[in-house]
PDB file of N, CA and C in Angstrom:
ATOM      1  N   UNK A   1      -7.026  17.527  11.396  1.00  0.00           N
ATOM      2  CA  UNK A   1      -6.490  17.346   9.909  1.00  0.00           C
ATOM      3  C   UNK A   1      -7.482  16.118   9.529  1.00  0.00           C
ATOM      4  N   UNK A   2      -8.219  16.345   8.432  1.00  0.00           N
ATOM      5  CA  UNK A   2      -9.279  15.574   8.070  1.00  0.00           C
ATOM      6  C   UNK A   2      -8.607  14.645   6.640  1.00  0.00           C
ATOM      7  N   UNK A   3      -8.930  13.389   6.801  1.00  0.00           N
ATOM      8  CA  UNK A   3      -8.529  12.634   5.615  1.00  0.00           C
ATOM      9  C   UNK A   3      -9.598  11.933   4.850  1.00  0.00           C
ATOM     10  N   UNK A   4      -9.723  12.294   3.525  1.00  0.00           N
ATOM     11  CA  UNK A   4     -10.871  11.978   2.728  1.00  0.00           C
ATOM     12  C   UNK A   4     -10.318  10.525   2.086  1.00  0.00           C
ATOM     13  N   UNK A   5     -11.323   9.624   2.011  1.00  0.00           N
ATOM     14  CA  UNK A   5     -10.968   8.353   1.401  1.00  0.00           C
ATOM     15  C   UNK A   5     -11.551   7.036   2.075  1.00  0.00           C
ATOM     16  N   UNK A   6     -10.933   6.249   2.141  1.00  0.00           N
ATOM     17  CA  UNK A   6     -11.297   5.064   2.736  1.00  0.00           C
ATOM     18  C   UNK A   6     -11.868   5.148   4.139  1.00  0.00           C
ATOM     19  N   UNK A   7     -12.992   4.830   4.314  1.00  0.00           N
ATOM     20  CA  UNK A   7     -13.537   4.606   5.659  1.00  0.00           C
ATOM     21  C   UNK A   7     -14.110   3.372   5.998  1.00  0.00           C
ATOM     22  N   UNK A   8     -13.407   2.380   6.062  1.00  0.00           N
ATOM     23  CA  UNK A   8     -13.718   0.962   6.084  1.00  0.00           C
ATOM     24  C   UNK A   8     -14.705   0.637   7.467  1.00  0.00           C
ATOM     25  N   UNK A   9     -15.893  -0.123   7.116  1.00  0.00           N
ATOM     26  CA  UNK A   9     -16.593  -0.611   8.336  1.00  0.00           C
ATOM     27  C   UNK A   9     -17.001  -1.996   8.259  1.00  0.00           C
ATOM     28  N   UNK A  10     -17.204  -2.705   9.462  1.00  0.00           N
ATOM     29  CA  UNK A  10     -17.353  -3.964   9.420  1.00  0.00           C
ATOM     30  C   UNK A  10     -19.000  -4.027   9.771  1.00  0.00           C
ATOM     31  N   UNK A  11     -19.796  -4.169   8.758  1.00  0.00           N
ATOM     32  CA  UNK A  11     -21.231  -3.984   8.811  1.00  0.00           C
ATOM     33  C   UNK A  11     -21.610  -5.111   9.634  1.00  0.00           C
ATOM     34  N   UNK A  12     -21.034  -6.342   9.632  1.00  0.00           N
ATOM     35  CA  UNK A  12     -21.477  -7.491  10.662  1.00  0.00           C
ATOM     36  C   UNK A  12     -21.117  -7.001  11.911  1.00  0.00           C
ATOM     37  N   UNK A  13     -20.044  -6.521  12.284  1.00  0.00           N
ATOM     38  CA  UNK A  13     -19.703  -6.176  13.537  1.00  0.00           C
ATOM     39  C   UNK A  13     -20.630  -5.304  14.360  1.00  0.00           C
ATOM     40  N   UNK A  14     -21.220  -4.105  13.434  1.00  0.00           N
ATOM     41  CA  UNK A  14     -22.179  -3.350  13.849  1.00  0.00           C
ATOM     42  C   UNK A  14     -23.462  -4.110  14.201  1.00  0.00           C
ATOM     43  N   UNK A  15     -23.862  -4.693  13.260  1.00  0.00           N
ATOM     44  CA  UNK A  15     -25.206  -5.597  13.378  1.00  0.00           C
ATOM     45  C   UNK A  15     -25.270  -6.297  14.583  1.00  0.00           C
ATOM     46  N   UNK A  16     -24.002  -7.100  14.654  1.00  0.00           N
ATOM     47  CA  UNK A  16     -23.706  -8.011  15.938  1.00  0.00           C
ATOM     48  C   UNK A  16     -23.791  -7.393  17.186  1.00  0.00           C
ATOM     49  N   UNK A  17     -23.244  -6.174  17.307  1.00  0.00           N
ATOM     50  CA  UNK A  17     -23.242  -5.379  18.254  1.00  0.00           C
ATOM     51  C   UNK A  17     -24.925  -5.037  18.631  1.00  0.00           C
ATOM     52  N   UNK A  18     -25.340  -4.574  17.897  1.00  0.00           N
ATOM     53  CA  UNK A  18     -26.647  -4.250  17.980  1.00  0.00           C
ATOM     54  C   UNK A  18     -27.590  -5.504  18.507  1.00  0.00           C
ATOM     55  N   UNK A  19     -27.319  -6.523  17.796  1.00  0.00           N
ATOM     56  CA  UNK A  19     -28.105  -7.988  18.066  1.00  0.00           C
ATOM     57  C   UNK A  19     -27.669  -8.192  19.500  1.00  0.00           C
ATOM     58  N   UNK A  20     -26.496  -8.254  19.886  1.00  0.00           N
ATOM     59  CA  UNK A  20     -25.965  -8.550  21.301  1.00  0.00           C
ATOM     60  C   UNK A  20     -26.420  -7.689  22.279  1.00  0.00           C
ATOM     61  N   UNK A  21     -26.638  -6.468  21.991  1.00  0.00           N
ATOM     62  CA  UNK A  21     -27.322  -5.463  23.051  1.00  0.00           C
ATOM     63  C   UNK A  21     -28.826  -5.917  23.053  1.00  0.00           C
ATOM     64  N   UNK A  22     -29.515  -6.220  21.923  1.00  0.00           N
ATOM     65  CA  UNK A  22     -30.858  -6.632  22.197  1.00  0.00           C
ATOM     66  C   UNK A  22     -30.948  -7.813  22.743  1.00  0.00           C
ATOM     67  N   UNK A  23     -30.102  -8.859  22.478  1.00  0.00           N
ATOM     68  CA  UNK A  23     -30.295 -10.387  23.214  1.00  0.00           C
ATOM     69  C   UNK A  23     -30.197  -9.948  24.712  1.00  0.00           C
ATOM     70  N   UNK A  24     -29.234  -9.178  25.199  1.00  0.00           N
ATOM     71  CA  UNK A  24     -28.882  -8.820  26.494  1.00  0.00           C
ATOM     72  C   UNK A  24     -30.089  -8.290  27.080  1.00  0.00           C
ATOM     73  N   UNK A  25     -30.680  -7.526  26.531  1.00  0.00           N
ATOM     74  CA  UNK A  25     -31.867  -6.824  26.976  1.00  0.00           C
ATOM     75  C   UNK A  25     -33.139  -7.808  27.137  1.00  0.00           C
ATOM     76  N   UNK A  26     -33.162  -8.819  25.977  1.00  0.00           N
ATOM     77  CA  UNK A  26     -34.136  -9.655  26.248  1.00  0.00           C
ATOM     78  C   UNK A  26     -33.818 -10.563  27.356  1.00  0.00           C
ATOM     79  N   UNK A  27     -32.596 -10.987  27.731  1.00  0.00           N
ATOM     80  CA  UNK A  27     -32.100 -11.901  28.612  1.00  0.00           C
ATOM     81  C   UNK A  27     -32.539 -11.170  30.029  1.00  0.00           C
ATOM     82  N   UNK A  28     -32.193  -9.861  30.063  1.00  0.00           N
ATOM     83  CA  UNK A  28     -32.581  -9.122  31.379  1.00  0.00           C
ATOM     84  C   UNK A  28     -34.170  -9.194  31.624  1.00  0.00           C
ATOM     85  N   UNK A  29     -34.798  -9.280  30.510  1.00  0.00           N
ATOM     86  CA  UNK A  29     -36.424  -8.966  30.607  1.00  0.00           C
ATOM     87  C   UNK A  29     -36.811 -10.625  31.184  1.00  0.00           C
ATOM     88  N   UNK A  30     -36.075 -11.544  30.665  1.00  0.00           N
ATOM     89  CA  UNK A  30     -36.392 -12.972  31.187  1.00  0.00           C
ATOM     90  C   UNK A  30     -35.947 -12.952  32.678  1.00  0.00           C
ATOM     91  N   UNK A  31     -34.968 -12.683  33.023  1.00  0.00           N
ATOM     92  CA  UNK A  31     -34.593 -12.824  34.263  1.00  0.00           C
ATOM     93  C   UNK A  31     -35.708 -11.922  35.190  1.00  0.00           C
ATOM     94  N   UNK A  32     -36.106 -10.845  34.930  1.00  0.00           N
ATOM     95  CA  UNK A  32     -37.210 -10.084  35.514  1.00  0.00           C
ATOM     96  C   UNK A  32     -38.377 -10.755  35.676  1.00  0.00           C
ATOM     97  N   UNK A  33     -38.707 -11.503  34.463  1.00  0.00           N
ATOM     98  CA  UNK A  33     -40.258 -12.276  34.408  1.00  0.00           C
ATOM     99  C   UNK A  33     -39.962 -13.590  35.196  1.00  0.00           C
ATOM    100  N   UNK A  34     -39.037 -14.218  35.241  1.00  0.00           N
ATOM    101  CA  UNK A  34     -38.806 -15.324  35.944  1.00  0.00           C
ATOM    102  C   UNK A  34     -38.754 -15.132  37.366  1.00  0.00           C
ATOM    103  N   UNK A  35     -38.346 -13.923  37.789  1.00  0.00           N
ATOM    104  CA  UNK A  35     -38.548 -13.367  39.346  1.00  0.00           C
ATOM    105  C   UNK A  35     -40.089 -13.093  39.603  1.00  0.00           C
ATOM    106  N   UNK A  36     -40.927 -12.672  38.639  1.00  0.00           N
ATOM    107  CA  UNK A  36     -42.138 -12.603  38.749  1.00  0.00           C
ATOM    108  C   UNK A  36     -43.056 -13.770  38.393  1.00  0.00           C
ATOM    109  N   UNK A  37     -42.294 -15.148  38.454  1.00  0.00           N
ATOM    110  CA  UNK A  37     -43.127 -16.223  38.216  1.00  0.00           C
ATOM    111  C   UNK A  37     -43.640 -16.396  36.733  1.00  0.00           C
ATOM    112  N   UNK A  38     -43.224 -15.526  35.663  1.00  0.00           N
ATOM    113  CA  UNK A  38     -43.938 -15.655  34.390  1.00  0.00           C
ATOM    114  C   UNK A  38     -42.683 -16.446  33.467  1.00  0.00           C
ATOM    115  N   UNK A  39     -42.978 -16.797  32.256  1.00  0.00           N
ATOM    116  CA  UNK A  39     -42.070 -17.463  31.534  1.00  0.00           C
ATOM    117  C   UNK A  39     -41.923 -16.649  30.275  1.00  0.00           C
ATOM    118  N   UNK A  40     -40.844 -16.443  29.863  1.00  0.00           N
ATOM    119  CA  UNK A  40     -40.275 -15.726  28.674  1.00  0.00           C
ATOM    120  C   UNK A  40     -39.354 -16.526  27.897  1.00  0.00           C
ATOM    121  N   UNK A  41     -39.248 -16.242  26.486  1.00  0.00           N
ATOM    122  CA  UNK A  41     -38.327 -16.849  25.554  1.00  0.00           C
ATOM    123  C   UNK A  41     -38.048 -15.887  24.533  1.00  0.00           C
ATOM    124  N   UNK A  42     -36.791 -16.156  24.014  1.00  0.00           N
ATOM    125  CA  UNK A  42     -36.360 -15.310  22.919  1.00  0.00           C
ATOM    126  C   UNK A  42     -35.611 -16.411  21.876  1.00  0.00           C
ATOM    127  N   UNK A  43     -36.220 -16.116  20.648  1.00  0.00           N
ATOM    128  CA  UNK A  43     -35.684 -16.860  19.439  1.00  0.00           C
ATOM    129  C   UNK A  43     -35.101 -15.991  18.700  1.00  0.00           C
ATOM    130  N   UNK A  44     -33.955 -16.393  18.126  1.00  0.00           N
ATOM    131  CA  UNK A  44     -33.161 -15.443  17.120  1.00  0.00           C
ATOM    132  C   UNK A  44     -33.653 -16.097  15.751  1.00  0.00           C
ATOM    133  N   UNK A  45     -33.757 -15.080  14.715  1.00  0.00           N
ATOM    134  CA  UNK A  45     -34.330 -15.191  13.390  1.00  0.00           C
ATOM    135  C   UNK A  45     -33.118 -15.740  12.715  1.00  0.00           C
ATOM    136  N   UNK A  46     -33.302 -16.602  11.745  1.00  0.00           N
ATOM    137  CA  UNK A  46     -32.212 -17.066  10.777  1.00  0.00           C
ATOM    138  C   UNK A  46     -31.321 -16.089  10.548  1.00  0.00           C
ATOM    139  N   UNK A  47     -31.661 -14.883  10.000  1.00  0.00           N
ATOM    140  CA  UNK A  47     -30.759 -13.839   9.638  1.00  0.00           C
ATOM    141  C   UNK A  47     -29.836 -13.355  10.776  1.00  0.00           C
ATOM    142  N   UNK A  48     -30.614 -13.312  11.951  1.00  0.00           N
ATOM    143  CA  UNK A  48     -29.873 -12.990  13.470  1.00  0.00           C
ATOM    144  C   UNK A  48     -28.732 -13.786  13.598  1.00  0.00           C
ATOM    145  N   UNK A  49     -28.996 -15.309  13.234  1.00  0.00           N
ATOM    146  CA  UNK A  49     -27.918 -16.164  13.746  1.00  0.00           C
ATOM    147  C   UNK A  49     -26.782 -16.013  12.624  1.00  0.00           C
ATOM    148  N   UNK A  50     -27.026 -15.520  11.405  1.00  0.00           N
ATOM    149  CA  UNK A  50     -26.193 -15.562  10.482  1.00  0.00           C
ATOM    150  C   UNK A  50     -25.055 -14.159  10.665  1.00  0.00           C
ATOM    151  N   UNK A  51     -25.821 -13.324  11.367  1.00  0.00           N
ATOM    152  CA  UNK A  51     -25.101 -12.037  11.511  1.00  0.00           C
ATOM    153  C   UNK A  51     -24.102 -12.359  12.750  1.00  0.00           C
ATOM    154  N   UNK A  52     -24.739 -13.112  13.631  1.00  0.00           N
ATOM    155  CA  UNK A  52     -23.783 -13.570  14.967  1.00  0.00           C
ATOM    156  C   UNK A  52     -22.771 -14.268  14.607  1.00  0.00           C
ATOM    157  N   UNK A  53     -22.929 -15.318  13.779  1.00  0.00           N
ATOM    158  CA  UNK A  53     -21.775 -16.141  13.297  1.00  0.00           C
ATOM    159  C   UNK A  53     -20.792 -15.278  12.591  1.00  0.00           C
ATOM    160  N   UNK A  54     -21.246 -14.474  11.687  1.00  0.00           N
ATOM    161  CA  UNK A  54     -20.292 -13.583  10.899  1.00  0.00           C
ATOM    162  C   UNK A  54     -19.535 -12.692  11.709  1.00  0.00           C
ATOM    163  N   UNK A  55     -20.067 -12.513  12.967  1.00  0.00           N
ATOM    164  CA  UNK A  55     -19.490 -11.434  13.795  1.00  0.00           C
ATOM    165  C   UNK A  55     -18.465 -11.893  14.481  1.00  0.00           C
ATOM    166  N   UNK A  56     -18.319 -13.190  14.662  1.00  0.00           N
ATOM    167  CA  UNK A  56     -17.454 -13.916  15.648  1.00  0.00           C
ATOM    168  C   UNK A  56     -15.891 -14.281  14.923  1.00  0.00           C
ATOM    169  N   UNK A  57     -16.124 -14.889  13.695  1.00  0.00           N
ATOM    170  CA  UNK A  57     -15.056 -15.070  12.768  1.00  0.00           C
ATOM    171  C   UNK A  57     -15.200 -14.808  11.259  1.00  0.00           C
ATOM    172  N   UNK A  58     -14.541 -13.803  10.939  1.00  0.00           N
ATOM    173  CA  UNK A  58     -14.546 -13.472   9.554  1.00  0.00           C
ATOM    174  C   UNK A  58     -13.537 -13.989   8.784  1.00  0.00           C
ATOM    175  N   UNK A  59     -13.450 -14.495   7.605  1.00  0.00           N
ATOM    176  CA  UNK A  59     -12.301 -15.143   6.693  1.00  0.00           C
ATOM    177  C   UNK A  59     -11.177 -14.048   6.654  1.00  0.00           C
ATOM    178  N   UNK A  60      -9.877 -14.813   6.975  1.00  0.00           N
ATOM    179  CA  UNK A  60      -9.068 -14.386   7.042  1.00  0.00           C
ATOM    180  C   UNK A  60      -8.281 -13.441   8.241  1.00  0.00           C
ATOM    181  N   UNK A  61      -9.107 -13.558   9.269  1.00  0.00           N
ATOM    182  CA  UNK A  61      -8.862 -12.991  10.587  1.00  0.00           C
ATOM    183  C   UNK A  61      -7.958 -14.319  11.327  1.00  0.00           C
ATOM    184  N   UNK A  62      -6.728 -13.850  11.864  1.00  0.00           N
ATOM    185  CA  UNK A  62      -6.116 -14.749  12.677  1.00  0.00           C
ATOM    186  C   UNK A  62      -6.143 -14.503  13.920  1.00  0.00           C
ATOM    187  N   UNK A  63      -6.946 -15.551  14.592  1.00  0.00           N
ATOM    188  CA  UNK A  63      -7.409 -15.280  15.936  1.00  0.00           C
ATOM    189  C   UNK A  63      -6.254 -15.153  16.954  1.00  0.00           C
ATOM    190  N   UNK A  64      -5.118 -16.038  16.712  1.00  0.00           N
ATOM    191  CA  UNK A  64      -4.172 -16.021  17.563  1.00  0.00           C
ATOM    192  C   UNK A  64      -3.365 -14.558  17.624  1.00  0.00           C
ATOM    193  N   UNK A  65      -3.205 -13.960  16.346  1.00  0.00           N
ATOM    194  CA  UNK A  65      -2.683 -12.678  16.272  1.00  0.00           C
ATOM    195  C   UNK A  65      -3.642 -11.651  17.032  1.00  0.00           C
ATOM    196  N   UNK A  66      -4.975 -11.764  16.766  1.00  0.00           N
ATOM    197  CA  UNK A  66      -5.813 -10.799  17.732  1.00  0.00           C
ATOM    198  C   UNK A  66      -5.483 -11.049  19.112  1.00  0.00           C
ATOM    199  N   UNK A  67      -5.542 -12.185  19.583  1.00  0.00           N
ATOM    200  CA  UNK A  67      -5.225 -12.481  21.135  1.00  0.00           C
ATOM    201  C   UNK A  67      -3.851 -11.786  21.445  1.00  0.00           C
ATOM    202  N   UNK A  68      -2.821 -12.114  20.518  1.00  0.00           N
ATOM    203  CA  UNK A  68      -1.720 -11.546  21.232  1.00  0.00           C
ATOM    204  C   UNK A  68      -1.648  -9.977  21.111  1.00  0.00           C
ATOM    205  N   UNK A  69      -2.245  -9.417  20.388  1.00  0.00           N
ATOM    206  CA  UNK A  69      -2.126  -7.880  20.193  1.00  0.00           C
ATOM    207  C   UNK A  69      -3.213  -7.430  21.405  1.00  0.00           C
ATOM    208  N   UNK A  70      -4.397  -8.026  21.673  1.00  0.00           N
ATOM    209  CA  UNK A  70      -5.051  -7.859  22.846  1.00  0.00           C
ATOM    210  C   UNK A  70      -4.201  -7.752  24.065  1.00  0.00           C
ATOM    211  N   UNK A  71      -3.563  -8.896  24.082  1.00  0.00           N
ATOM    212  CA  UNK A  71      -2.879  -8.977  25.407  1.00  0.00           C
ATOM    213  C   UNK A  71      -1.860  -7.848  25.497  1.00  0.00           C
ATOM    214  N   UNK A  72      -1.117  -7.576  24.364  1.00  0.00           N
ATOM    215  CA  UNK A  72      -0.177  -6.479  24.363  1.00  0.00           C
ATOM    216  C   UNK A  72      -0.580  -5.193  24.747  1.00  0.00           C
ATOM    217  N   UNK A  73      -1.829  -5.001  24.193  1.00  0.00           N
ATOM    218  CA  UNK A  73      -2.531  -3.625  24.408  1.00  0.00           C
ATOM    219  C   UNK A  73      -2.995  -3.593  25.848  1.00  0.00           C
ATOM    220  N   UNK A  74      -3.453  -4.532  26.408  1.00  0.00           N
ATOM    221  CA  UNK A  74      -3.744  -4.794  27.792  1.00  0.00           C
ATOM    222  C   UNK A  74      -2.707  -4.672  28.937  1.00  0.00           C
ATOM    223  N   UNK A  75      -1.572  -5.079  28.566  1.00  0.00           N
ATOM    224  CA  UNK A  75      -0.372  -5.074  29.362  1.00  0.00           C
ATOM    225  C   UNK A  75       0.380  -3.655  29.079  1.00  0.00           C
ATOM    226  N   UNK A  76       0.063  -2.930  28.212  1.00  0.00           N
ATOM    227  CA  UNK A  76       0.709  -1.553  27.950  1.00  0.00           C
ATOM    228  C   UNK A  76       2.021  -1.786  27.142  1.00  0.00           C
ATOM    229  N   UNK A  77       2.221  -3.140  26.612  1.00  0.00           N
ATOM    230  CA  UNK A  77       3.378  -3.433  25.902  1.00  0.00           C
ATOM    231  C   UNK A  77       3.377  -3.122  24.285  1.00  0.00           C
ATOM    232  N   UNK A  78       2.053  -2.881  23.885  1.00  0.00           N
ATOM    233  CA  UNK A  78       1.907  -2.432  22.438  1.00  0.00           C
ATOM    234  C   UNK A  78       2.417  -0.986  21.930  1.00  0.00           C
ATOM    235  N   UNK A  79       3.367  -1.039  21.110  1.00  0.00           N
ATOM    236  CA  UNK A  79       3.919   0.311  20.575  1.00  0.00           C
ATOM    237  C   UNK A  79       3.164   0.733  19.296  1.00  0.00           C
ATOM    238  N   UNK A  80       2.720   1.691  19.380  1.00  0.00           N
ATOM    239  CA  UNK A  80       2.219   2.255  18.092  1.00  0.00           C
ATOM    240  C   UNK A  80       3.144   3.124  17.236  1.00  0.00           C
ATOM    241  N   UNK A  81       3.421   3.001  15.956  1.00  0.00           N
ATOM    242  CA  UNK A  81       3.863   3.862  15.118  1.00  0.00           C
ATOM    243  C   UNK A  81       2.981   4.876  14.362  1.00  0.00           C
ATOM    244  N   UNK A  82       3.023   5.990  14.822  1.00  0.00           N
ATOM    245  CA  UNK A  82       2.309   6.819  13.977  1.00  0.00           C
ATOM    246  C   UNK A  82       2.645   7.121  12.345  1.00  0.00           C
ATOM    247  N   UNK A  83       3.816   6.973  12.210  1.00  0.00           N
ATOM    248  CA  UNK A  83       4.393   6.896  10.826  1.00  0.00           C
ATOM    249  C   UNK A  83       3.726   5.741   9.995  1.00  0.00           C
ATOM    250  N   UNK A  84       3.997   4.464  10.746  1.00  0.00           N
ATOM    251  CA  UNK A  84       3.517   3.368   9.966  1.00  0.00           C
ATOM    252  C   UNK A  84       1.958   3.302   9.523  1.00  0.00           C
ATOM    253  N   UNK A  85       1.259   3.749  10.623  1.00  0.00           N
ATOM    254  CA  UNK A  85      -0.126   3.965  10.273  1.00  0.00           C
ATOM    255  C   UNK A  85      -0.498   4.893   9.533  1.00  0.00           C
ATOM    256  N   UNK A  86       0.214   6.041   9.080  1.00  0.00           N
ATOM    257  CA  UNK A  86      -0.048   7.074   8.216  1.00  0.00           C
ATOM    258  C   UNK A  86       0.389   6.543   6.938  1.00  0.00           C
ATOM    259  N   UNK A  87       1.395   5.858   6.603  1.00  0.00           N
ATOM    260  CA  UNK A  87       1.872   5.380   5.534  1.00  0.00           C
ATOM    261  C   UNK A  87       0.763   4.412   5.131  1.00  0.00           C
ATOM    262  N   UNK A  88       0.312   3.204   6.071  1.00  0.00           N
ATOM    263  CA  UNK A  88      -0.857   2.256   5.318  1.00  0.00           C
ATOM    264  C   UNK A  88      -2.088   3.206   4.960  1.00  0.00           C
ATOM    265  N   UNK A  89      -2.499   4.241   5.778  1.00  0.00           N
ATOM    266  CA  UNK A  89      -3.700   5.021   5.346  1.00  0.00           C
ATOM    267  C   UNK A  89      -3.608   5.769   4.030  1.00  0.00           C
ATOM    268  N   UNK A  90      -2.321   6.176   3.735  1.00  0.00           N
ATOM    269  CA  UNK A  90      -2.203   6.895   2.442  1.00  0.00           C
ATOM    270  C   UNK A  90      -2.133   5.779   1.306  1.00  0.00           C
ATOM    271  N   UNK A  91      -1.582   4.477   1.746  1.00  0.00           N
ATOM    272  CA  UNK A  91      -1.712   3.420   0.607  1.00  0.00           C
ATOM    273  C   UNK A  91      -3.078   3.015   0.481  1.00  0.00           C
ATOM    274  N   UNK A  92      -3.966   2.934   1.409  1.00  0.00           N
ATOM    275  CA  UNK A  92      -5.284   2.587   1.301  1.00  0.00           C
ATOM    276  C   UNK A  92      -5.954   3.680   0.266  1.00  0.00           C
ATOM    277  N   UNK A  93      -5.765   4.973   0.635  1.00  0.00           N
ATOM    278  CA  UNK A  93      -6.496   6.036  -0.148  1.00  0.00           C
ATOM    279  C   UNK A  93      -5.745   6.040  -1.668  1.00  0.00           C
ATOM    280  N   UNK A  94      -4.644   5.676  -1.642  1.00  0.00           N
ATOM    281  CA  UNK A  94      -4.026   5.509  -3.173  1.00  0.00           C
ATOM    282  C   UNK A  94      -4.668   4.267  -3.995  1.00  0.00           C
ATOM    283  N   UNK A  95      -4.884   3.308  -3.281  1.00  0.00           N
ATOM    284  CA  UNK A  95      -5.527   2.059  -3.968  1.00  0.00           C
ATOM    285  C   UNK A  95      -6.978   2.484  -4.330  1.00  0.00           C
ATOM    286  N   UNK A  96      -7.781   3.154  -3.564  1.00  0.00           N
ATOM    287  CA  UNK A  96      -9.147   3.636  -3.907  1.00  0.00           C
ATOM    288  C   UNK A  96      -9.180   4.633  -4.891  1.00  0.00           C
ATOM    289  N   UNK A  97      -8.189   5.542  -5.127  1.00  0.00           N
ATOM    290  CA  UNK A  97      -8.205   6.513  -6.118  1.00  0.00           C
ATOM    291  C   UNK A  97      -7.821   5.943  -7.507  1.00  0.00           C
ATOM    292  N   UNK A  98      -6.989   4.607  -7.552  1.00  0.00           N
ATOM    293  CA  UNK A  98      -6.788   3.956  -8.683  1.00  0.00           C
ATOM    294  C   UNK A  98      -8.069   3.012  -9.174  1.00  0.00           C
ATOM    295  N   UNK A  99      -9.063   2.950  -8.347  1.00  0.00           N
ATOM    296  CA  UNK A  99     -10.097   1.986  -8.591  1.00  0.00           C
ATOM    297  C   UNK A  99     -11.041   2.856  -9.229  1.00  0.00           C
TER     298      UNK A  99
END
């Protein structure tokens, strides 16, 4: 089943994931260089630093609730209601249609 409509994305999260991967690659290269007796350094641009900050905490996110949900998912105690998900998805589609 295909649902057309809202396909929300978190561009900051995507950019931060790419940046995080690049930072990890740079750190790995630095370790390799240090083993070889060379010095390496990595500096993040101002834009990259803002992306990283935006990815950590966005306005309106309740970090305690996120932690509670993560714990419930990891422990297998999180129950998913397909009906509730479908209702919320359709409500979002209806909101976008009105705009």
